[in-house]
Each structure stands twice: as structure tokens, then as C-alpha cells.
Amino acid sequence: MFVRTKKIKGQRYAYLVKNKWVKGKVKQQVKGYLGKVFSPEKTSQTPFHEHYSNYEKIDSKEMIKDVVKLELVNHGFAIIDDRTLSKEDVVVDVAKCKVKTKNGKDAVLMLNDAFLHNKNMKNLVNFKKSTEEEDTPGQKLATAFSDAGINVEKEIFVELYKRIYL
């Protein structure tokens, strides 16, 4: 599945789409509406270890949440409390894996040429090793970050990989 955007009255909206073969042709099947798309500009590039110095003491799930929070901070989001960040009309609750507008509607953030939305943030934050053999474990973890538009430093990625897979 992938995200497709559609422009309606000058505003972009995102949909989760799956390709499906029908009578020898590929048809796109919309699986769900994801929300209005917001594209915050990257305003800084703070390294993870400068922002979170004692990450050795937290588990992989909390570390992933901190990586997501830092990416949002690097895109100009303000930290409201330990779990919530905000910028203009968008509020992100990292603990609940929710990206919403201030009026409570689902939203999607375009970060680093990918889309962060409720579903892929939940998949990333709750990432667990799989018994499936289709990709290497490192590829699955890297894809989860990439699909959500989250840049993660090599050192932090390796540390997360060790915590999850070893």
C-alpha cells in the first residue's frame, strides 16, 4: 500500500491506496482516507545525541518515539508536553500515535518526501521483529522509518536494530 494525494479546492488530501489486478489491468483501490496534508519545512538538523543524551536507559519503543519527536522539532514543531508537539494547525500525540488538526480531524505530515500519518506512526512506534523472511530485519526497520518520513542517524538506527533484533 502507498499514499496518494489529491488536490481539492487548492488543498491536498491523502489516501491510503492499494494496487489491484482486475481483468489484466492494474486498478487503484482506495483503502482509506488519511487526512489533510501539511508540509512543514525543515528548520534545523539537531543530532539525536544532542537532544537526548541518556538514550541508553530507555527501551526501543521510547527511543523510536524520541526519534519521531526530534524529527518534528527539526521541522519547527514546539514541544507542548512529554508526548505532544504542535505547529500551526497540527497537533501530534506521539504516545497515542495520532496526527490531528487542532479541531480533531486526521492530518498527514509530508516530511522528507514521505508521509507521516496515524497508521504508519503506529507501525513505527510499535515496531516488532517479524518472523517473515521477505526482507532482512534491517530493511523492515529502515522502511518503517522511511515510509514515515523520519530521518534517523546511522548510530541510532544501529542501536535500535540491536535492541529489537538481538
C-alpha atoms as a PDB file:
ATOM      1  CA  MET A   1       0.000   0.000   0.000  1.00  0.00           C
ATOM      2  CA  PHE A   2       1.045   3.570  -0.566  1.00  0.00           C
ATOM      3  CA  VAL A   3      -0.157   7.137  -0.044  1.00  0.00           C
ATOM      4  CA  ARG A   4      -1.733   9.082  -2.876  1.00  0.00           C
ATOM      5  CA  THR A   5      -2.633  12.747  -2.603  1.00  0.00           C
ATOM      6  CA  LYS A   6      -5.472  14.542  -4.293  1.00  0.00           C
ATOM      7  CA  LYS A   7      -5.856  18.302  -4.628  1.00  0.00           C
ATOM      8  CA  ILE A   8      -9.348  19.580  -3.865  1.00  0.00           C
ATOM      9  CA  LYS A   9     -10.080  23.317  -3.903  1.00  0.00           C
ATOM     10  CA  GLY A  10      -6.374  24.098  -3.602  1.00  0.00           C
ATOM     11  CA  GLN A  11      -5.752  21.831  -0.597  1.00  0.00           C
ATOM     12  CA  ARG A  12      -4.095  18.403  -0.669  1.00  0.00           C
ATOM     13  CA  TYR A  13      -5.665  15.363   0.987  1.00  0.00           C
ATOM     14  CA  ALA A  14      -4.062  11.945   1.440  1.00  0.00           C
ATOM     15  CA  TYR A  15      -5.498   8.488   0.863  1.00  0.00           C
ATOM     16  CA  LEU A  16      -4.116   5.013   1.512  1.00  0.00           C
ATOM     17  CA  VAL A  17      -4.201   3.148  -1.811  1.00  0.00           C
ATOM     18  CA  LYS A  18      -3.528  -0.413  -2.937  1.00  0.00           C
ATOM     19  CA  ASN A  19      -2.961  -1.628  -6.478  1.00  0.00           C
ATOM     20  CA  LYS A  20      -5.197  -4.486  -7.560  1.00  0.00           C
ATOM     21  CA  TRP A  21      -5.302  -6.551 -10.752  1.00  0.00           C
ATOM     22  CA  VAL A  22      -8.740  -6.512 -12.436  1.00  0.00           C
ATOM     23  CA  LYS A  23      -9.178  -8.237 -15.808  1.00  0.00           C
ATOM     24  CA  GLY A  24      -5.477  -7.957 -16.612  1.00  0.00           C
ATOM     25  CA  LYS A  25      -5.225  -4.268 -15.683  1.00  0.00           C
ATOM     26  CA  VAL A  26      -3.963  -2.555 -12.570  1.00  0.00           C
ATOM     27  CA  LYS A  27      -6.644  -0.608 -10.723  1.00  0.00           C
ATOM     28  CA  GLN A  28      -6.096   1.533  -7.668  1.00  0.00           C
ATOM     29  CA  GLN A  29      -8.306   0.694  -4.741  1.00  0.00           C
ATOM     30  CA  VAL A  30      -8.661   3.354  -2.032  1.00  0.00           C
ATOM     31  CA  LYS A  31      -8.343   1.682   1.370  1.00  0.00           C
ATOM     32  CA  GLY A  32      -8.970   4.762   3.451  1.00  0.00           C
ATOM     33  CA  TYR A  33      -8.838   8.487   3.911  1.00  0.00           C
ATOM     34  CA  LEU A  34      -5.794   9.652   5.891  1.00  0.00           C
ATOM     35  CA  GLY A  35      -6.415  13.385   6.248  1.00  0.00           C
ATOM     36  CA  LYS A  36      -5.437  16.847   5.118  1.00  0.00           C
ATOM     37  CA  VAL A  37      -1.761  17.143   4.119  1.00  0.00           C
ATOM     38  CA  PHE A  38       0.524  19.656   5.822  1.00  0.00           C
ATOM     39  CA  SER A  39       4.106  20.218   4.626  1.00  0.00           C
ATOM     40  CA  PRO A  40       6.207  21.810   7.372  1.00  0.00           C
ATOM     41  CA  GLU A  41       9.636  22.978   6.268  1.00  0.00           C
ATOM     42  CA  LYS A  42      12.727  21.614   7.946  1.00  0.00           C
ATOM     43  CA  THR A  43      14.115  24.387  10.124  1.00  0.00           C
ATOM     44  CA  SER A  44      17.038  22.630  11.846  1.00  0.00           C
ATOM     45  CA  GLN A  45      19.088  19.434  11.923  1.00  0.00           C
ATOM     46  CA  THR A  46      19.725  18.710  15.592  1.00  0.00           C
ATOM     47  CA  PRO A  47      21.569  15.402  16.098  1.00  0.00           C
ATOM     48  CA  PHE A  48      19.749  12.879  18.277  1.00  0.00           C
ATOM     49  CA  HIS A  49      22.506  12.575  20.887  1.00  0.00           C
ATOM     50  CA  GLU A  50      22.495  16.358  21.439  1.00  0.00           C
ATOM     51  CA  HIS A  51      18.782  16.368  22.181  1.00  0.00           C
ATOM     52  CA  TYR A  52      18.514  13.053  24.054  1.00  0.00           C
ATOM     53  CA  SER A  53      21.741  12.368  25.927  1.00  0.00           C
ATOM     54  CA  ASN A  54      20.784   9.354  28.053  1.00  0.00           C
ATOM     55  CA  TYR A  55      19.036   7.183  25.475  1.00  0.00           C
ATOM     56  CA  GLU A  56      20.904   4.111  26.751  1.00  0.00           C
ATOM     57  CA  LYS A  57      18.427   3.984  29.651  1.00  0.00           C
ATOM     58  CA  ILE A  58      15.207   3.788  27.596  1.00  0.00           C
ATOM     59  CA  ASP A  59      13.643   0.905  25.675  1.00  0.00           C
ATOM     60  CA  SER A  60      13.366   0.734  21.886  1.00  0.00           C
ATOM     61  CA  LYS A  61       9.746   1.934  21.800  1.00  0.00           C
ATOM     62  CA  GLU A  62      10.562   5.076  23.797  1.00  0.00           C
ATOM     63  CA  MET A  63      13.666   5.636  21.701  1.00  0.00           C
ATOM     64  CA  ILE A  64      11.605   5.483  18.473  1.00  0.00           C
ATOM     65  CA  LYS A  65       9.144   7.998  19.955  1.00  0.00           C
ATOM     66  CA  ASP A  66      12.081  10.291  20.755  1.00  0.00           C
ATOM     67  CA  VAL A  67      13.388   9.972  17.172  1.00  0.00           C
ATOM     68  CA  VAL A  68       9.925  10.939  15.867  1.00  0.00           C
ATOM     69  CA  LYS A  69       9.740  13.877  18.296  1.00  0.00           C
ATOM     70  CA  LEU A  70      13.171  15.125  17.241  1.00  0.00           C
ATOM     71  CA  GLU A  71      12.228  14.969  13.543  1.00  0.00           C
ATOM     72  CA  LEU A  72       9.148  17.042  14.321  1.00  0.00           C
ATOM     73  CA  VAL A  73      11.216  19.543  16.324  1.00  0.00           C
ATOM     74  CA  ASN A  74      13.593  19.756  13.349  1.00  0.00           C
ATOM     75  CA  HIS A  75      10.519  20.659  11.255  1.00  0.00           C
ATOM     76  CA  GLY A  76       9.583  23.535  13.571  1.00  0.00           C
ATOM     77  CA  PHE A  77       7.177  21.787  15.938  1.00  0.00           C
ATOM     78  CA  ALA A  78       7.061  23.025  19.532  1.00  0.00           C
ATOM     79  CA  ILE A  79       7.039  20.554  22.402  1.00  0.00           C
ATOM     80  CA  ILE A  80       3.842  21.062  24.405  1.00  0.00           C
ATOM     81  CA  ASP A  81       4.457  18.293  26.938  1.00  0.00           C
ATOM     82  CA  ASP A  82       6.257  14.945  27.155  1.00  0.00           C
ATOM     83  CA  ARG A  83       4.076  13.381  24.455  1.00  0.00           C
ATOM     84  CA  THR A  84       2.555  16.228  22.424  1.00  0.00           C
ATOM     85  CA  LEU A  85       4.000  18.570  19.798  1.00  0.00           C
ATOM     86  CA  SER A  86       2.280  21.323  17.846  1.00  0.00           C
ATOM     87  CA  LYS A  87       2.812  23.583  14.862  1.00  0.00           C
ATOM     88  CA  GLU A  88       0.177  25.929  13.466  1.00  0.00           C
ATOM     89  CA  ASP A  89      -2.949  23.798  12.885  1.00  0.00           C
ATOM     90  CA  VAL A  90      -1.358  20.387  13.586  1.00  0.00           C
ATOM     91  CA  VAL A  91      -1.021  18.518  16.886  1.00  0.00           C
ATOM     92  CA  VAL A  92       0.962  15.272  17.136  1.00  0.00           C
ATOM     93  CA  ASP A  93       0.454  12.957  20.116  1.00  0.00           C
ATOM     94  CA  VAL A  94       3.416  10.575  19.901  1.00  0.00           C
ATOM     95  CA  ALA A  95       2.164   8.408  22.793  1.00  0.00           C
ATOM     96  CA  LYS A  96      -1.191   7.786  21.066  1.00  0.00           C
ATOM     97  CA  CYS A  97       0.369   7.808  17.549  1.00  0.00           C
ATOM     98  CA  LYS A  98      -2.047  10.490  16.370  1.00  0.00           C
ATOM     99  CA  VAL A  99      -1.577  13.288  13.853  1.00  0.00           C
ATOM    100  CA  LYS A 100      -4.578  15.621  14.047  1.00  0.00           C
ATOM    101  CA  THR A 101      -5.644  19.137  13.256  1.00  0.00           C
ATOM    102  CA  LYS A 102      -6.437  21.354  16.232  1.00  0.00           C
ATOM    103  CA  ASN A 103     -10.128  20.730  15.590  1.00  0.00           C
ATOM    104  CA  GLY A 104      -9.596  16.953  15.937  1.00  0.00           C
ATOM    105  CA  LYS A 105      -9.594  15.833  12.300  1.00  0.00           C
ATOM    106  CA  ASP A 106      -6.983  13.385  10.983  1.00  0.00           C
ATOM    107  CA  ALA A 107      -3.978  15.017   9.355  1.00  0.00           C
ATOM    108  CA  VAL A 108      -0.908  13.913   7.405  1.00  0.00           C
ATOM    109  CA  LEU A 109       2.558  15.463   7.549  1.00  0.00           C
ATOM    110  CA  MET A 110       4.761  15.463   4.484  1.00  0.00           C
ATOM    111  CA  LEU A 111       8.261  15.072   5.935  1.00  0.00           C
ATOM    112  CA  ASN A 112      11.373  14.441   3.849  1.00  0.00           C
ATOM    113  CA  ASP A 113       9.321  13.465   0.753  1.00  0.00           C
ATOM    114  CA  ALA A 114       7.239  10.869   2.653  1.00  0.00           C
ATOM    115  CA  PHE A 115       4.054  10.947   4.717  1.00  0.00           C
ATOM    116  CA  LEU A 116       3.645  10.644   8.483  1.00  0.00           C
ATOM    117  CA  HIS A 117       0.109   9.658   9.399  1.00  0.00           C
ATOM    118  CA  ASN A 118      -1.653   7.790  12.201  1.00  0.00           C
ATOM    119  CA  LYS A 119      -1.227   4.323  10.695  1.00  0.00           C
ATOM    120  CA  ASN A 120       2.473   4.399   9.816  1.00  0.00           C
ATOM    121  CA  MET A 121       3.391   6.233  13.023  1.00  0.00           C
ATOM    122  CA  LYS A 122       1.644   3.463  14.977  1.00  0.00           C
ATOM    123  CA  ASN A 123       3.501   0.814  12.928  1.00  0.00           C
ATOM    124  CA  LEU A 124       6.814   2.552  13.573  1.00  0.00           C
ATOM    125  CA  VAL A 125       6.352   3.222  17.298  1.00  0.00           C
ATOM    126  CA  ASN A 126       5.103  -0.333  17.908  1.00  0.00           C
ATOM    127  CA  PHE A 127       7.687  -1.931  15.610  1.00  0.00           C
ATOM    128  CA  LYS A 128       8.443  -5.530  16.477  1.00  0.00           C
ATOM    129  CA  LYS A 129      10.656  -8.058  14.783  1.00  0.00           C
ATOM    130  CA  SER A 130       8.858 -10.271  12.310  1.00  0.00           C
ATOM    131  CA  THR A 131       9.175 -13.963  11.599  1.00  0.00           C
ATOM    132  CA  GLU A 132       8.539 -13.360   7.884  1.00  0.00           C
ATOM    133  CA  GLU A 133      11.509 -13.783   5.566  1.00  0.00           C
ATOM    134  CA  GLU A 134      10.577 -11.358   2.738  1.00  0.00           C
ATOM    135  CA  ASP A 135      13.080  -8.626   3.739  1.00  0.00           C
ATOM    136  CA  THR A 136      16.052  -8.567   6.028  1.00  0.00           C
ATOM    137  CA  PRO A 137      15.235  -7.249   9.511  1.00  0.00           C
ATOM    138  CA  GLY A 138      17.256  -4.097   8.905  1.00  0.00           C
ATOM    139  CA  GLN A 139      15.308  -3.383   5.704  1.00  0.00           C
ATOM    140  CA  LYS A 140      11.964  -3.660   7.531  1.00  0.00           C
ATOM    141  CA  LEU A 141      13.049  -1.229  10.225  1.00  0.00           C
ATOM    142  CA  ALA A 142      14.584   1.178   7.685  1.00  0.00           C
ATOM    143  CA  THR A 143      11.408   1.039   5.569  1.00  0.00           C
ATOM    144  CA  ALA A 144       9.246   1.815   8.606  1.00  0.00           C
ATOM    145  CA  PHE A 145      11.290   4.985   9.252  1.00  0.00           C
ATOM    146  CA  SER A 146      11.492   5.928   5.572  1.00  0.00           C
ATOM    147  CA  ASP A 147       7.752   5.473   4.928  1.00  0.00           C
ATOM    148  CA  ALA A 148       7.016   7.836   7.817  1.00  0.00           C
ATOM    149  CA  GLY A 149       9.487  10.456   6.564  1.00  0.00           C
ATOM    150  CA  ILE A 150      11.679  10.100   9.637  1.00  0.00           C
ATOM    151  CA  ASN A 151      15.422  10.543   9.167  1.00  0.00           C
ATOM    152  CA  VAL A 152      17.366   8.558  11.722  1.00  0.00           C
ATOM    153  CA  GLU A 153      21.100   8.796  12.285  1.00  0.00           C
ATOM    154  CA  LYS A 154      23.149   5.701  11.483  1.00  0.00           C
ATOM    155  CA  GLU A 155      24.380   5.288  15.072  1.00  0.00           C
ATOM    156  CA  ILE A 156      20.828   5.495  16.450  1.00  0.00           C
ATOM    157  CA  PHE A 157      19.479   3.113  13.793  1.00  0.00           C
ATOM    158  CA  VAL A 158      22.134   0.522  14.676  1.00  0.00           C
ATOM    159  CA  GLU A 159      21.317   0.886  18.380  1.00  0.00           C
ATOM    160  CA  LEU A 160      17.603   0.397  17.680  1.00  0.00           C
ATOM    161  CA  TYR A 161      18.324  -2.613  15.491  1.00  0.00           C
ATOM    162  CA  LYS A 162      20.351  -4.216  18.290  1.00  0.00           C
ATOM    163  CA  ARG A 163      17.605  -3.578  20.858  1.00  0.00           C
ATOM    164  CA  ILE A 164      14.876  -5.025  18.638  1.00  0.00           C
ATOM    165  CA  TYR A 165      16.613  -7.934  16.922  1.00  0.00           C
ATOM    166  CA  LEU A 166      19.479  -9.038  19.155  1.00  0.00           C
END
